[in-house]
Amino acid sequence: ATAGAQPVWSVPQFRGRDHLVFADYGPNDCMLADLRAAHVIGRFS
């Protein structure tokens, strides 16, 4: 609720290494996937 309203990126960014994948949709909008544990966490505005 404290995250301000900012536009998402026009093209999201995705990067990974081994079993981890990070998704960056905007300044306050991100996800992290642990594919080995089949678990995803995310923080969004």
Full PDB file with SEQRES, HELIX, SHEET, SSBOND, CRYST1, ORIGX, SCALE, CONECT and MASTER records, all heavy atoms in Angstrom:
SEQRES   1 A   45  ALA THR ALA GLY ALA GLN PRO VAL TRP SER VAL PRO GLN          
SEQRES   2 A   45  PHE ARG GLY ARG ASP HIS LEU VAL PHE ALA ASP TYR GLY          
SEQRES   3 A   45  PRO ASN ASP CYS MET LEU ALA ASP LEU ARG ALA ALA HIS          
SEQRES   4 A   45  VAL ILE GLY ARG PHE SER                                      
SHEET    1 AA1 4 GLN A  13  ARG A  17  0                                        
SHEET    2 AA1 4 LEU A  20  GLY A  26 -1                                        
SHEET    3 AA1 4 ASP A  29  ASP A  34 -1                                        
SHEET    4 AA1 4 HIS A  39  ARG A  43 -1                                        
CRYST1    1.000    1.000    1.000  90.00  90.00  90.00 P 1           1          
ORIGX1      1.000000  0.000000  0.000000        0.00000                         
ORIGX2      0.000000  1.000000  0.000000        0.00000                         
ORIGX3      0.000000  0.000000  1.000000        0.00000                         
SCALE1      1.000000  0.000000  0.000000        0.00000                         
SCALE2      0.000000  1.000000  0.000000        0.00000                         
SCALE3      0.000000  0.000000  1.000000        0.00000                         
ATOM      1  N   ALA A   1       0.815  -1.217   0.000  1.00  0.00           N  
ATOM      2  CA  ALA A   1       0.000   0.000   0.000  1.00  0.00           C  
ATOM      3  C   ALA A   1       0.845   1.262   0.000  1.00  0.00           C  
ATOM      4  O   ALA A   1       0.356   2.342  -0.359  1.00  0.00           O  
ATOM      5  CB  ALA A   1      -0.936  -0.005   1.213  1.00  0.00           C  
ATOM      6  N   THR A   2       2.121   1.166   0.388  1.00  0.00           N  
ATOM      7  CA  THR A   2       2.988   2.348   0.434  1.00  0.00           C  
ATOM      8  C   THR A   2       3.659   2.628  -0.901  1.00  0.00           C  
ATOM      9  O   THR A   2       4.317   3.662  -1.055  1.00  0.00           O  
ATOM     10  CB  THR A   2       4.063   2.183   1.512  1.00  0.00           C  
ATOM     11  OG1 THR A   2       4.968   1.128   1.141  1.00  0.00           O  
ATOM     12  CG2 THR A   2       3.435   1.844   2.856  1.00  0.00           C  
ATOM     13  N   ALA A   3       3.544   1.691  -1.845  1.00  0.00           N  
ATOM     14  CA  ALA A   3       4.201   1.867  -3.141  1.00  0.00           C  
ATOM     15  C   ALA A   3       3.418   2.850  -3.992  1.00  0.00           C  
ATOM     16  O   ALA A   3       2.214   2.674  -4.217  1.00  0.00           O  
ATOM     17  CB  ALA A   3       4.333   0.525  -3.849  1.00  0.00           C  
ATOM     18  N   GLY A   4       4.086   3.863  -4.477  1.00  0.00           N  
ATOM     19  CA  GLY A   4       3.425   4.870  -5.290  1.00  0.00           C  
ATOM     20  C   GLY A   4       3.065   4.363  -6.668  1.00  0.00           C  
ATOM     21  O   GLY A   4       3.610   3.369  -7.158  1.00  0.00           O  
ATOM     22  N   ALA A   5       2.111   5.033  -7.291  1.00  0.00           N  
ATOM     23  CA  ALA A   5       1.677   4.668  -8.641  1.00  0.00           C  
ATOM     24  C   ALA A   5       2.686   5.180  -9.662  1.00  0.00           C  
ATOM     25  O   ALA A   5       2.849   6.388  -9.822  1.00  0.00           O  
ATOM     26  CB  ALA A   5       0.292   5.245  -8.920  1.00  0.00           C  
ATOM     27  N   GLN A   6       3.377   4.262 -10.300  1.00  0.00           N  
ATOM     28  CA  GLN A   6       4.317   4.607 -11.366  1.00  0.00           C  
ATOM     29  C   GLN A   6       4.037   3.716 -12.559  1.00  0.00           C  
ATOM     30  O   GLN A   6       3.646   2.550 -12.392  1.00  0.00           O  
ATOM     31  CB  GLN A   6       5.769   4.415 -10.906  1.00  0.00           C  
ATOM     32  CG  GLN A   6       6.184   5.312  -9.762  1.00  0.00           C  
ATOM     33  CD  GLN A   6       7.671   5.241  -9.503  1.00  0.00           C  
ATOM     34  OE1 GLN A   6       8.484   5.388 -10.406  1.00  0.00           O  
ATOM     35  NE2 GLN A   6       8.035   5.003  -8.246  1.00  0.00           N  
ATOM     36  N   PRO A   7       4.231   4.220 -13.775  1.00  0.00           N  
ATOM     37  CA  PRO A   7       3.952   3.400 -14.964  1.00  0.00           C  
ATOM     38  C   PRO A   7       4.843   2.157 -14.996  1.00  0.00           C  
ATOM     39  O   PRO A   7       6.000   2.189 -14.579  1.00  0.00           O  
ATOM     40  CB  PRO A   7       4.285   4.341 -16.133  1.00  0.00           C  
ATOM     41  CG  PRO A   7       4.253   5.715 -15.544  1.00  0.00           C  
ATOM     42  CD  PRO A   7       4.691   5.575 -14.122  1.00  0.00           C  
ATOM     43  N   VAL A   8       4.293   1.058 -15.488  1.00  0.00           N  
ATOM     44  CA  VAL A   8       5.100  -0.143 -15.690  1.00  0.00           C  
ATOM     45  C   VAL A   8       6.032   0.100 -16.872  1.00  0.00           C  
ATOM     46  O   VAL A   8       5.827   1.007 -17.684  1.00  0.00           O  
ATOM     47  CB  VAL A   8       4.205  -1.372 -15.953  1.00  0.00           C  
ATOM     48  CG1 VAL A   8       3.375  -1.712 -14.721  1.00  0.00           C  
ATOM     49  CG2 VAL A   8       3.308  -1.153 -17.163  1.00  0.00           C  
ATOM     50  N   TRP A   9       7.091  -0.726 -16.952  1.00  0.00           N  
ATOM     51  CA  TRP A   9       8.022  -0.604 -18.079  1.00  0.00           C  
ATOM     52  C   TRP A   9       7.289  -0.945 -19.380  1.00  0.00           C  
ATOM     53  O   TRP A   9       6.434  -1.833 -19.416  1.00  0.00           O  
ATOM     54  CB  TRP A   9       9.209  -1.546 -17.917  1.00  0.00           C  
ATOM     55  CG  TRP A   9       9.932  -1.485 -16.603  1.00  0.00           C  
ATOM     56  CD1 TRP A   9      10.220  -2.533 -15.785  1.00  0.00           C  
ATOM     57  CD2 TRP A   9      10.495  -0.328 -15.966  1.00  0.00           C  
ATOM     58  NE1 TRP A   9      10.896  -2.107 -14.674  1.00  0.00           N  
ATOM     59  CE2 TRP A   9      11.075  -0.757 -14.752  1.00  0.00           C  
ATOM     60  CE3 TRP A   9      10.528   1.035 -16.279  1.00  0.00           C  
ATOM     61  CZ2 TRP A   9      11.707   0.121 -13.869  1.00  0.00           C  
ATOM     62  CZ3 TRP A   9      11.150   1.914 -15.395  1.00  0.00           C  
ATOM     63  CH2 TRP A   9      11.731   1.460 -14.224  1.00  0.00           C  
ATOM     64  N   SER A  10       7.634  -0.276 -20.458  1.00  0.00           N  
ATOM     65  CA  SER A  10       7.024  -0.594 -21.757  1.00  0.00           C  
ATOM     66  C   SER A  10       7.367  -2.011 -22.185  1.00  0.00           C  
ATOM     67  O   SER A  10       6.567  -2.691 -22.826  1.00  0.00           O  
ATOM     68  CB  SER A  10       7.479   0.417 -22.821  1.00  0.00           C  
ATOM     69  OG  SER A  10       8.891   0.420 -22.940  1.00  0.00           O  
ATOM     70  N   VAL A  11       8.577  -2.465 -21.838  1.00  0.00           N  
ATOM     71  CA  VAL A  11       8.986  -3.851 -22.089  1.00  0.00           C  
ATOM     72  C   VAL A  11       9.526  -4.406 -20.777  1.00  0.00           C  
ATOM     73  O   VAL A  11      10.574  -3.971 -20.309  1.00  0.00           O  
ATOM     74  CB  VAL A  11      10.064  -3.947 -23.186  1.00  0.00           C  
ATOM     75  CG1 VAL A  11      10.489  -5.408 -23.377  1.00  0.00           C  
ATOM     76  CG2 VAL A  11       9.542  -3.363 -24.506  1.00  0.00           C  
ATOM     77  N   PRO A  12       8.837  -5.357 -20.136  1.00  0.00           N  
ATOM     78  CA  PRO A  12       9.344  -5.928 -18.879  1.00  0.00           C  
ATOM     79  C   PRO A  12      10.695  -6.599 -19.080  1.00  0.00           C  
ATOM     80  O   PRO A  12      11.060  -6.997 -20.196  1.00  0.00           O  
ATOM     81  CB  PRO A  12       8.266  -6.961 -18.509  1.00  0.00           C  
ATOM     82  CG  PRO A  12       7.058  -6.551 -19.272  1.00  0.00           C  
ATOM     83  CD  PRO A  12       7.548  -5.929 -20.535  1.00  0.00           C  
ATOM     84  N   GLN A  13      11.438  -6.728 -17.980  1.00  0.00           N  
ATOM     85  CA  GLN A  13      12.756  -7.357 -18.014  1.00  0.00           C  
ATOM     86  C   GLN A  13      12.690  -8.690 -17.266  1.00  0.00           C  
ATOM     87  O   GLN A  13      12.086  -8.784 -16.204  1.00  0.00           O  
ATOM     88  CB  GLN A  13      13.796  -6.446 -17.359  1.00  0.00           C  
ATOM     89  CG  GLN A  13      13.993  -5.108 -18.038  1.00  0.00           C  
ATOM     90  CD  GLN A  13      14.689  -5.222 -19.381  1.00  0.00           C  
ATOM     91  OE1 GLN A  13      15.399  -6.193 -19.648  1.00  0.00           O  
ATOM     92  NE2 GLN A  13      14.487  -4.233 -20.235  1.00  0.00           N  
ATOM     93  N   PHE A  14      13.344  -9.715 -17.834  1.00  0.00           N  
ATOM     94  CA  PHE A  14      13.368 -11.041 -17.223  1.00  0.00           C  
ATOM     95  C   PHE A  14      14.786 -11.581 -17.248  1.00  0.00           C  
ATOM     96  O   PHE A  14      15.445 -11.565 -18.289  1.00  0.00           O  
ATOM     97  CB  PHE A  14      12.438 -12.000 -17.966  1.00  0.00           C  
ATOM     98  CG  PHE A  14      11.073 -11.436 -18.190  1.00  0.00           C  
ATOM     99  CD1 PHE A  14      10.735 -10.843 -19.400  1.00  0.00           C  
ATOM    100  CD2 PHE A  14      10.136 -11.451 -17.185  1.00  0.00           C  
ATOM    101  CE1 PHE A  14       9.494 -10.294 -19.600  1.00  0.00           C  
ATOM    102  CE2 PHE A  14       8.881 -10.899 -17.375  1.00  0.00           C  
ATOM    103  CZ  PHE A  14       8.565 -10.322 -18.584  1.00  0.00           C  
ATOM    104  N   ARG A  15      15.249 -12.033 -16.099  1.00  0.00           N  
ATOM    105  CA  ARG A  15      16.599 -12.580 -16.003  1.00  0.00           C  
ATOM    106  C   ARG A  15      16.579 -13.800 -15.086  1.00  0.00           C  
ATOM    107  O   ARG A  15      15.747 -13.907 -14.179  1.00  0.00           O  
ATOM    108  CB  ARG A  15      17.578 -11.525 -15.453  1.00  0.00           C  
ATOM    109  CG  ARG A  15      17.821 -10.340 -16.381  1.00  0.00           C  
ATOM    110  CD  ARG A  15      18.535 -10.775 -17.649  1.00  0.00           C  
ATOM    111  NE  ARG A  15      18.818  -9.656 -18.542  1.00  0.00           N  
ATOM    112  CZ  ARG A  15      18.052  -9.269 -19.549  1.00  0.00           C  
ATOM    113  NH1 ARG A  15      16.901  -9.889 -19.767  1.00  0.00           N  
ATOM    114  NH2 ARG A  15      18.407  -8.263 -20.325  1.00  0.00           N  
ATOM    115  N   GLY A  16      17.490 -14.728 -15.330  1.00  0.00           N  
ATOM    116  CA  GLY A  16      17.517 -15.936 -14.520  1.00  0.00           C  
ATOM    117  C   GLY A  16      18.900 -16.530 -14.399  1.00  0.00           C  
ATOM    118  O   GLY A  16      19.816 -16.205 -15.167  1.00  0.00           O  
ATOM    119  N   ARG A  17      19.041 -17.400 -13.421  1.00  0.00           N  
ATOM    120  CA  ARG A  17      20.274 -18.159 -13.230  1.00  0.00           C  
ATOM    121  C   ARG A  17      19.896 -19.427 -12.476  1.00  0.00           C  
ATOM    122  O   ARG A  17      19.196 -19.363 -11.444  1.00  0.00           O  
ATOM    123  CB  ARG A  17      21.298 -17.354 -12.425  1.00  0.00           C  
ATOM    124  CG  ARG A  17      22.718 -17.904 -12.544  1.00  0.00           C  
ATOM    125  CD  ARG A  17      23.334 -17.518 -13.874  1.00  0.00           C  
ATOM    126  NE  ARG A  17      24.574 -18.217 -14.136  1.00  0.00           N  
ATOM    127  CZ  ARG A  17      25.315 -18.046 -15.227  1.00  0.00           C  
ATOM    128  NH1 ARG A  17      24.921 -17.180 -16.139  1.00  0.00           N  
ATOM    129  NH2 ARG A  17      26.415 -18.730 -15.415  1.00  0.00           N  
ATOM    130  N   ASP A  18      20.339 -20.565 -12.976  1.00  0.00           N  
ATOM    131  CA  ASP A  18      20.000 -21.839 -12.345  1.00  0.00           C  
ATOM    132  C   ASP A  18      18.478 -21.930 -12.173  1.00  0.00           C  
ATOM    133  O   ASP A  18      17.750 -21.763 -13.135  1.00  0.00           O  
ATOM    134  CB  ASP A  18      20.747 -22.007 -11.023  1.00  0.00           C  
ATOM    135  CG  ASP A  18      22.262 -22.021 -11.212  1.00  0.00           C  
ATOM    136  OD1 ASP A  18      22.705 -22.586 -12.225  1.00  0.00           O  
ATOM    137  OD2 ASP A  18      22.978 -21.458 -10.380  1.00  0.00           O  
ATOM    138  N   HIS A  19      17.991 -22.125 -10.944  1.00  0.00           N  
ATOM    139  CA  HIS A  19      16.558 -22.333 -10.727  1.00  0.00           C  
ATOM    140  C   HIS A  19      15.814 -21.053 -10.393  1.00  0.00           C  
ATOM    141  O   HIS A  19      14.601 -21.093 -10.144  1.00  0.00           O  
ATOM    142  CB  HIS A  19      16.339 -23.346  -9.602  1.00  0.00           C  
ATOM    143  CG  HIS A  19      16.882 -22.893  -8.274  1.00  0.00           C  
ATOM    144  ND1 HIS A  19      18.230 -22.759  -8.035  1.00  0.00           N  
ATOM    145  CD2 HIS A  19      16.260 -22.535  -7.115  1.00  0.00           C  
ATOM    146  CE1 HIS A  19      18.421 -22.361  -6.786  1.00  0.00           C  
ATOM    147  NE2 HIS A  19      17.236 -22.209  -6.209  1.00  0.00           N  
ATOM    148  N   LEU A  20      16.499 -19.905 -10.378  1.00  0.00           N  
ATOM    149  CA  LEU A  20      15.862 -18.636 -10.028  1.00  0.00           C  
ATOM    150  C   LEU A  20      15.580 -17.810 -11.285  1.00  0.00           C  
ATOM    151  O   LEU A  20      16.433 -17.701 -12.171  1.00  0.00           O  
ATOM    152  CB  LEU A  20      16.758 -17.825  -9.089  1.00  0.00           C  
ATOM    153  CG  LEU A  20      17.061 -18.448  -7.721  1.00  0.00           C  
ATOM    154  CD1 LEU A  20      18.025 -17.569  -6.946  1.00  0.00           C  
ATOM    155  CD2 LEU A  20      15.764 -18.668  -6.925  1.00  0.00           C  
ATOM    156  N   VAL A  21      14.379 -17.212 -11.338  1.00  0.00           N  
ATOM    157  CA  VAL A  21      14.013 -16.309 -12.429  1.00  0.00           C  
ATOM    158  C   VAL A  21      13.366 -15.073 -11.817  1.00  0.00           C  
ATOM    159  O   VAL A  21      12.438 -15.184 -11.001  1.00  0.00           O  
ATOM    160  CB  VAL A  21      13.040 -16.963 -13.422  1.00  0.00           C  
ATOM    161  CG1 VAL A  21      12.611 -15.957 -14.485  1.00  0.00           C  
ATOM    162  CG2 VAL A  21      13.677 -18.183 -14.088  1.00  0.00           C  
ATOM    163  N   PHE A  22      13.856 -13.895 -12.221  1.00  0.00           N  
ATOM    164  CA  PHE A  22      13.352 -12.626 -11.699  1.00  0.00           C  
ATOM    165  C   PHE A  22      12.631 -11.886 -12.816  1.00  0.00           C  
ATOM    166  O   PHE A  22      13.144 -11.777 -13.939  1.00  0.00           O  
ATOM    167  CB  PHE A  22      14.508 -11.778 -11.172  1.00  0.00           C  
ATOM    168  CG  PHE A  22      14.069 -10.501 -10.503  1.00  0.00           C  
ATOM    169  CD1 PHE A  22      13.551 -10.526  -9.221  1.00  0.00           C  
ATOM    170  CD2 PHE A  22      14.180  -9.286 -11.150  1.00  0.00           C  
ATOM    171  CE1 PHE A  22      13.146  -9.353  -8.592  1.00  0.00           C  
ATOM    172  CE2 PHE A  22      13.791  -8.108 -10.543  1.00  0.00           C  
ATOM    173  CZ  PHE A  22      13.266  -8.146  -9.249  1.00  0.00           C  
ATOM    174  N   ALA A  23      11.440 -11.376 -12.525  1.00  0.00           N  
ATOM    175  CA  ALA A  23      10.645 -10.610 -13.478  1.00  0.00           C  
ATOM    176  C   ALA A  23      10.448  -9.202 -12.944  1.00  0.00           C  
ATOM    177  O   ALA A  23       9.993  -9.013 -11.819  1.00  0.00           O  
ATOM    178  CB  ALA A  23       9.293 -11.283 -13.700  1.00  0.00           C  
ATOM    179  N   ASP A  24      10.788  -8.213 -13.765  1.00  0.00           N  
ATOM    180  CA  ASP A  24      10.718  -6.800 -13.388  1.00  0.00           C  
ATOM    181  C   ASP A  24       9.724  -6.110 -14.315  1.00  0.00           C  
ATOM    182  O   ASP A  24      10.003  -5.885 -15.488  1.00  0.00           O  
ATOM    183  CB  ASP A  24      12.112  -6.184 -13.515  1.00  0.00           C  
ATOM    184  CG  ASP A  24      12.143  -4.704 -13.166  1.00  0.00           C  
ATOM    185  OD1 ASP A  24      11.134  -4.203 -12.647  1.00  0.00           O  
ATOM    186  OD2 ASP A  24      13.176  -4.064 -13.404  1.00  0.00           O  
ATOM    187  N   TYR A  25       8.540  -5.786 -13.787  1.00  0.00           N  
ATOM    188  CA  TYR A  25       7.488  -5.185 -14.598  1.00  0.00           C  
ATOM    189  C   TYR A  25       7.450  -3.669 -14.478  1.00  0.00           C  
ATOM    190  O   TYR A  25       6.889  -2.993 -15.341  1.00  0.00           O  
ATOM    191  CB  TYR A  25       6.123  -5.741 -14.182  1.00  0.00           C  
ATOM    192  CG  TYR A  25       6.003  -7.228 -14.375  1.00  0.00           C  
ATOM    193  CD1 TYR A  25       6.170  -8.095 -13.295  1.00  0.00           C  
ATOM    194  CD2 TYR A  25       5.727  -7.780 -15.617  1.00  0.00           C  
ATOM    195  CE1 TYR A  25       6.064  -9.468 -13.461  1.00  0.00           C  
ATOM    196  CE2 TYR A  25       5.616  -9.140 -15.795  1.00  0.00           C  
ATOM    197  CZ  TYR A  25       5.788  -9.986 -14.710  1.00  0.00           C  
ATOM    198  OH  TYR A  25       5.684 -11.337 -14.878  1.00  0.00           O  
ATOM    199  N   GLY A  26       7.989  -3.143 -13.392  1.00  0.00           N  
ATOM    200  CA  GLY A  26       7.956  -1.705 -13.174  1.00  0.00           C  
ATOM    201  C   GLY A  26       8.690  -1.353 -11.900  1.00  0.00           C  
ATOM    202  O   GLY A  26       9.191  -2.236 -11.183  1.00  0.00           O  
ATOM    203  N   PRO A  27       8.795  -0.060 -11.562  1.00  0.00           N  
ATOM    204  CA  PRO A  27       9.576   0.354 -10.386  1.00  0.00           C  
ATOM    205  C   PRO A  27       9.136  -0.298  -9.088  1.00  0.00           C  
ATOM    206  O   PRO A  27       9.949  -0.514  -8.191  1.00  0.00           O  
ATOM    207  CB  PRO A  27       9.346   1.875 -10.346  1.00  0.00           C  
ATOM    208  CG  PRO A  27       8.997   2.255 -11.749  1.00  0.00           C  
ATOM    209  CD  PRO A  27       8.247   1.096 -12.301  1.00  0.00           C  
ATOM    210  N   ASN A  28       7.851  -0.635  -8.958  1.00  0.00           N  
ATOM    211  CA  ASN A  28       7.346  -1.256  -7.729  1.00  0.00           C  
ATOM    212  C   ASN A  28       6.653  -2.582  -7.998  1.00  0.00           C  
ATOM    213  O   ASN A  28       5.822  -3.025  -7.203  1.00  0.00           O  
ATOM    214  CB  ASN A  28       6.368  -0.309  -7.028  1.00  0.00           C  
ATOM    215  CG  ASN A  28       7.034   0.957  -6.535  1.00  0.00           C  
ATOM    216  OD1 ASN A  28       8.033   0.907  -5.833  1.00  0.00           O  
ATOM    217  ND2 ASN A  28       6.488   2.108  -6.921  1.00  0.00           N  
ATOM    218  N   ASP A  29       7.016  -3.241  -9.097  1.00  0.00           N  
ATOM    219  CA  ASP A  29       6.297  -4.436  -9.530  1.00  0.00           C  
ATOM    220  C   ASP A  29       7.288  -5.509  -9.964  1.00  0.00           C  
ATOM    221  O   ASP A  29       7.831  -5.457 -11.076  1.00  0.00           O  
ATOM    222  CB  ASP A  29       5.357  -4.095 -10.687  1.00  0.00           C  
ATOM    223  CG  ASP A  29       4.445  -2.924 -10.355  1.00  0.00           C  
ATOM    224  OD1 ASP A  29       3.707  -3.027  -9.365  1.00  0.00           O  
ATOM    225  OD2 ASP A  29       4.493  -1.907 -11.079  1.00  0.00           O  
ATOM    226  N   CYS A  30       7.521  -6.485  -9.087  1.00  0.00           N  
ATOM    227  CA  CYS A  30       8.532  -7.507  -9.354  1.00  0.00           C  
ATOM    228  C   CYS A  30       8.063  -8.866  -8.860  1.00  0.00           C  
ATOM    229  O   CYS A  30       7.253  -8.974  -7.941  1.00  0.00           O  
ATOM    230  CB  CYS A  30       9.862  -7.161  -8.670  1.00  0.00           C  
ATOM    231  SG  CYS A  30      10.564  -5.577  -9.159  1.00  0.00           S  
ATOM    232  N   MET A  31       8.634  -9.920  -9.465  1.00  0.00           N  
ATOM    233  CA  MET A  31       8.378 -11.292  -9.057  1.00  0.00           C  
ATOM    234  C   MET A  31       9.688 -12.064  -9.036  1.00  0.00           C  
ATOM    235  O   MET A  31      10.597 -11.795  -9.838  1.00  0.00           O  
ATOM    236  CB  MET A  31       7.445 -11.994 -10.048  1.00  0.00           C  
ATOM    237  CG  MET A  31       5.972 -11.851  -9.808  1.00  0.00           C  
ATOM    238  SD  MET A  31       5.064 -12.844 -11.029  1.00  0.00           S  
ATOM    239  CE  MET A  31       3.397 -12.618 -10.442  1.00  0.00           C  
ATOM    240  N   LEU A  32       9.769 -13.040  -8.138  1.00  0.00           N  
ATOM    241  CA  LEU A  32      10.892 -13.964  -8.099  1.00  0.00           C  
ATOM    242  C   LEU A  32      10.335 -15.375  -8.061  1.00  0.00           C  
ATOM    243  O   LEU A  32       9.517 -15.705  -7.200  1.00  0.00           O  
ATOM    244  CB  LEU A  32      11.772 -13.716  -6.871  1.00  0.00           C  
ATOM    245  CG  LEU A  32      12.909 -14.720  -6.650  1.00  0.00           C  
ATOM    246  CD1 LEU A  32      13.897 -14.705  -7.823  1.00  0.00           C  
ATOM    247  CD2 LEU A  32      13.619 -14.449  -5.329  1.00  0.00           C  
ATOM    248  N   ALA A  33      10.775 -16.224  -8.996  1.00  0.00           N  
ATOM    249  CA  ALA A  33      10.335 -17.616  -9.073  1.00  0.00           C  
ATOM    250  C   ALA A  33      11.480 -18.544  -8.688  1.00  0.00           C  
ATOM    251  O   ALA A  33      12.570 -18.446  -9.250  1.00  0.00           O  
ATOM    252  CB  ALA A  33       9.842 -17.942 -10.480  1.00  0.00           C  
ATOM    253  N   ASP A  34      11.224 -19.399  -7.730  1.00  0.00           N  
ATOM    254  CA  ASP A  34      12.121 -20.496  -7.389  1.00  0.00           C  
ATOM    255  C   ASP A  34      11.542 -21.728  -8.068  1.00  0.00           C  
ATOM    256  O   ASP A  34      10.613 -22.360  -7.569  1.00  0.00           O  
ATOM    257  CB  ASP A  34      12.177 -20.679  -5.869  1.00  0.00           C  
ATOM    258  CG  ASP A  34      13.035 -21.863  -5.442  1.00  0.00           C  
ATOM    259  OD1 ASP A  34      13.500 -22.620  -6.329  1.00  0.00           O  
ATOM    260  OD2 ASP A  34      13.231 -22.054  -4.229  1.00  0.00           O  
ATOM    261  N   LEU A  35      12.083 -22.061  -9.243  1.00  0.00           N  
ATOM    262  CA  LEU A  35      11.492 -23.123 -10.039  1.00  0.00           C  
ATOM    263  C   LEU A  35      11.724 -24.501  -9.426  1.00  0.00           C  
ATOM    264  O   LEU A  35      10.913 -25.410  -9.620  1.00  0.00           O  
ATOM    265  CB  LEU A  35      12.044 -23.067 -11.464  1.00  0.00           C  
ATOM    266  CG  LEU A  35      11.711 -21.781 -12.234  1.00  0.00           C  
ATOM    267  CD1 LEU A  35      12.267 -21.841 -13.634  1.00  0.00           C  
ATOM    268  CD2 LEU A  35      10.205 -21.538 -12.261  1.00  0.00           C  
ATOM    269  N   ARG A  36      12.795 -24.662  -8.701  1.00  0.00           N  
ATOM    270  CA  ARG A  36      13.051 -25.964  -8.090  1.00  0.00           C  
ATOM    271  C   ARG A  36      12.026 -26.252  -6.993  1.00  0.00           C  
ATOM    272  O   ARG A  36      11.581 -27.390  -6.824  1.00  0.00           O  
ATOM    273  CB  ARG A  36      14.467 -26.016  -7.530  1.00  0.00           C  
ATOM    274  CG  ARG A  36      14.926 -27.410  -7.134  1.00  0.00           C  
ATOM    275  CD  ARG A  36      16.421 -27.534  -7.196  1.00  0.00           C  
ATOM    276  NE  ARG A  36      17.108 -26.492  -6.417  1.00  0.00           N  
ATOM    277  CZ  ARG A  36      18.420 -26.306  -6.466  1.00  0.00           C  
ATOM    278  NH1 ARG A  36      19.170 -27.052  -7.256  1.00  0.00           N  
ATOM    279  NH2 ARG A  36      18.978 -25.352  -5.739  1.00  0.00           N  
ATOM    280  N   ALA A  37      11.627 -25.236  -6.258  1.00  0.00           N  
ATOM    281  CA  ALA A  37      10.628 -25.401  -5.203  1.00  0.00           C  
ATOM    282  C   ALA A  37       9.210 -25.115  -5.694  1.00  0.00           C  
ATOM    283  O   ALA A  37       8.260 -25.252  -4.916  1.00  0.00           O  
ATOM    284  CB  ALA A  37      10.960 -24.491  -4.021  1.00  0.00           C  
ATOM    285  N   ALA A  38       9.065 -24.709  -6.975  1.00  0.00           N  
ATOM    286  CA  ALA A  38       7.752 -24.357  -7.538  1.00  0.00           C  
ATOM    287  C   ALA A  38       7.053 -23.318  -6.661  1.00  0.00           C  
ATOM    288  O   ALA A  38       5.882 -23.445  -6.304  1.00  0.00           O  
ATOM    289  CB  ALA A  38       6.876 -25.592  -7.712  1.00  0.00           C  
ATOM    290  N   HIS A  39       7.795 -22.245  -6.331  1.00  0.00           N  
ATOM    291  CA  HIS A  39       7.292 -21.201  -5.449  1.00  0.00           C  
ATOM    292  C   HIS A  39       7.610 -19.842  -6.053  1.00  0.00           C  
ATOM    293  O   HIS A  39       8.744 -19.600  -6.507  1.00  0.00           O  
ATOM    294  CB  HIS A  39       7.931 -21.335  -4.059  1.00  0.00           C  
ATOM    295  CG  HIS A  39       7.416 -20.350  -3.063  1.00  0.00           C  
ATOM    296  ND1 HIS A  39       8.139 -19.956  -1.953  1.00  0.00           N  
ATOM    297  CD2 HIS A  39       6.238 -19.665  -2.995  1.00  0.00           C  
ATOM    298  CE1 HIS A  39       7.435 -19.084  -1.259  1.00  0.00           C  
ATOM    299  NE2 HIS A  39       6.282 -18.886  -1.865  1.00  0.00           N  
ATOM    300  N   VAL A  40       6.632 -18.953  -6.075  1.00  0.00           N  
ATOM    301  CA  VAL A  40       6.788 -17.614  -6.648  1.00  0.00           C  
ATOM    302  C   VAL A  40       6.364 -16.590  -5.607  1.00  0.00           C  
ATOM    303  O   VAL A  40       5.331 -16.758  -4.944  1.00  0.00           O  
ATOM    304  CB  VAL A  40       5.922 -17.451  -7.917  1.00  0.00           C  
ATOM    305  CG1 VAL A  40       6.054 -16.032  -8.476  1.00  0.00           C  
ATOM    306  CG2 VAL A  40       6.308 -18.477  -8.969  1.00  0.00           C  
ATOM    307  N   ILE A  41       7.173 -15.543  -5.440  1.00  0.00           N  
ATOM    308  CA  ILE A  41       6.791 -14.429  -4.589  1.00  0.00           C  
ATOM    309  C   ILE A  41       6.792 -13.154  -5.434  1.00  0.00           C  
ATOM    310  O   ILE A  41       7.544 -13.046  -6.410  1.00  0.00           O  
ATOM    311  CB  ILE A  41       7.705 -14.257  -3.361  1.00  0.00           C  
ATOM    312  CG1 ILE A  41       9.138 -13.890  -3.796  1.00  0.00           C  
ATOM    313  CG2 ILE A  41       7.711 -15.521  -2.521  1.00  0.00           C  
ATOM    314  CD1 ILE A  41      10.055 -13.530  -2.614  1.00  0.00           C  
ATOM    315  N   GLY A  42       5.940 -12.202  -5.076  1.00  0.00           N  
ATOM    316  CA  GLY A  42       5.883 -10.958  -5.832  1.00  0.00           C  
ATOM    317  C   GLY A  42       5.448  -9.790  -4.975  1.00  0.00           C  
ATOM    318  O   GLY A  42       4.711  -9.957  -3.999  1.00  0.00           O  
ATOM    319  N   ARG A  43       5.941  -8.612  -5.322  1.00  0.00           N  
ATOM    320  CA  ARG A  43       5.550  -7.366  -4.668  1.00  0.00           C  
ATOM    321  C   ARG A  43       5.086  -6.406  -5.745  1.00  0.00           C  
ATOM    322  O   ARG A  43       5.813  -6.135  -6.712  1.00  0.00           O  
ATOM    323  CB  ARG A  43       6.730  -6.757  -3.908  1.00  0.00           C  
ATOM    324  CG  ARG A  43       6.483  -5.347  -3.348  1.00  0.00           C  
ATOM    325  CD  ARG A  43       7.730  -4.795  -2.664  1.00  0.00           C  
ATOM    326  NE  ARG A  43       7.553  -3.414  -2.242  1.00  0.00           N  
ATOM    327  CZ  ARG A  43       7.894  -2.365  -2.984  1.00  0.00           C  
ATOM    328  NH1 ARG A  43       8.418  -2.533  -4.195  1.00  0.00           N  
ATOM    329  NH2 ARG A  43       7.711  -1.130  -2.529  1.00  0.00           N  
ATOM    330  N   PHE A  44       3.852  -5.881  -5.599  1.00  0.00           N  
ATOM    331  CA  PHE A  44       3.273  -5.006  -6.605  1.00  0.00           C  
ATOM    332  C   PHE A  44       2.664  -3.774  -5.944  1.00  0.00           C  
ATOM    333  O   PHE A  44       2.299  -3.797  -4.759  1.00  0.00           O  
ATOM    334  CB  PHE A  44       2.187  -5.742  -7.404  1.00  0.00           C  
ATOM    335  CG  PHE A  44       2.736  -6.748  -8.381  1.00  0.00           C  
ATOM    336  CD1 PHE A  44       3.084  -8.023  -7.950  1.00  0.00           C  
ATOM    337  CD2 PHE A  44       2.915  -6.430  -9.707  1.00  0.00           C  
ATOM    338  CE1 PHE A  44       3.598  -8.955  -8.831  1.00  0.00           C  
ATOM    339  CE2 PHE A  44       3.424  -7.346 -10.599  1.00  0.00           C  
ATOM    340  CZ  PHE A  44       3.776  -8.618 -10.161  1.00  0.00           C  
ATOM    341  N   SER A  45       2.536  -2.719  -6.732  1.00  0.00           N  
ATOM    342  CA  SER A  45       1.883  -1.505  -6.261  1.00  0.00           C  
ATOM    343  C   SER A  45       0.374  -1.666  -6.389  1.00  0.00           C  
ATOM    344  O   SER A  45      -0.111  -2.472  -7.197  1.00  0.00           O  
ATOM    345  CB  SER A  45       2.344  -0.311  -7.091  1.00  0.00           C  
ATOM    346  OG  SER A  45       1.898  -0.450  -8.438  1.00  0.00           O  
TER     347      SER A  45                                                      
MASTER        0    0    0    0    4    0    0    6  346    1    0    4          
END                                                                             
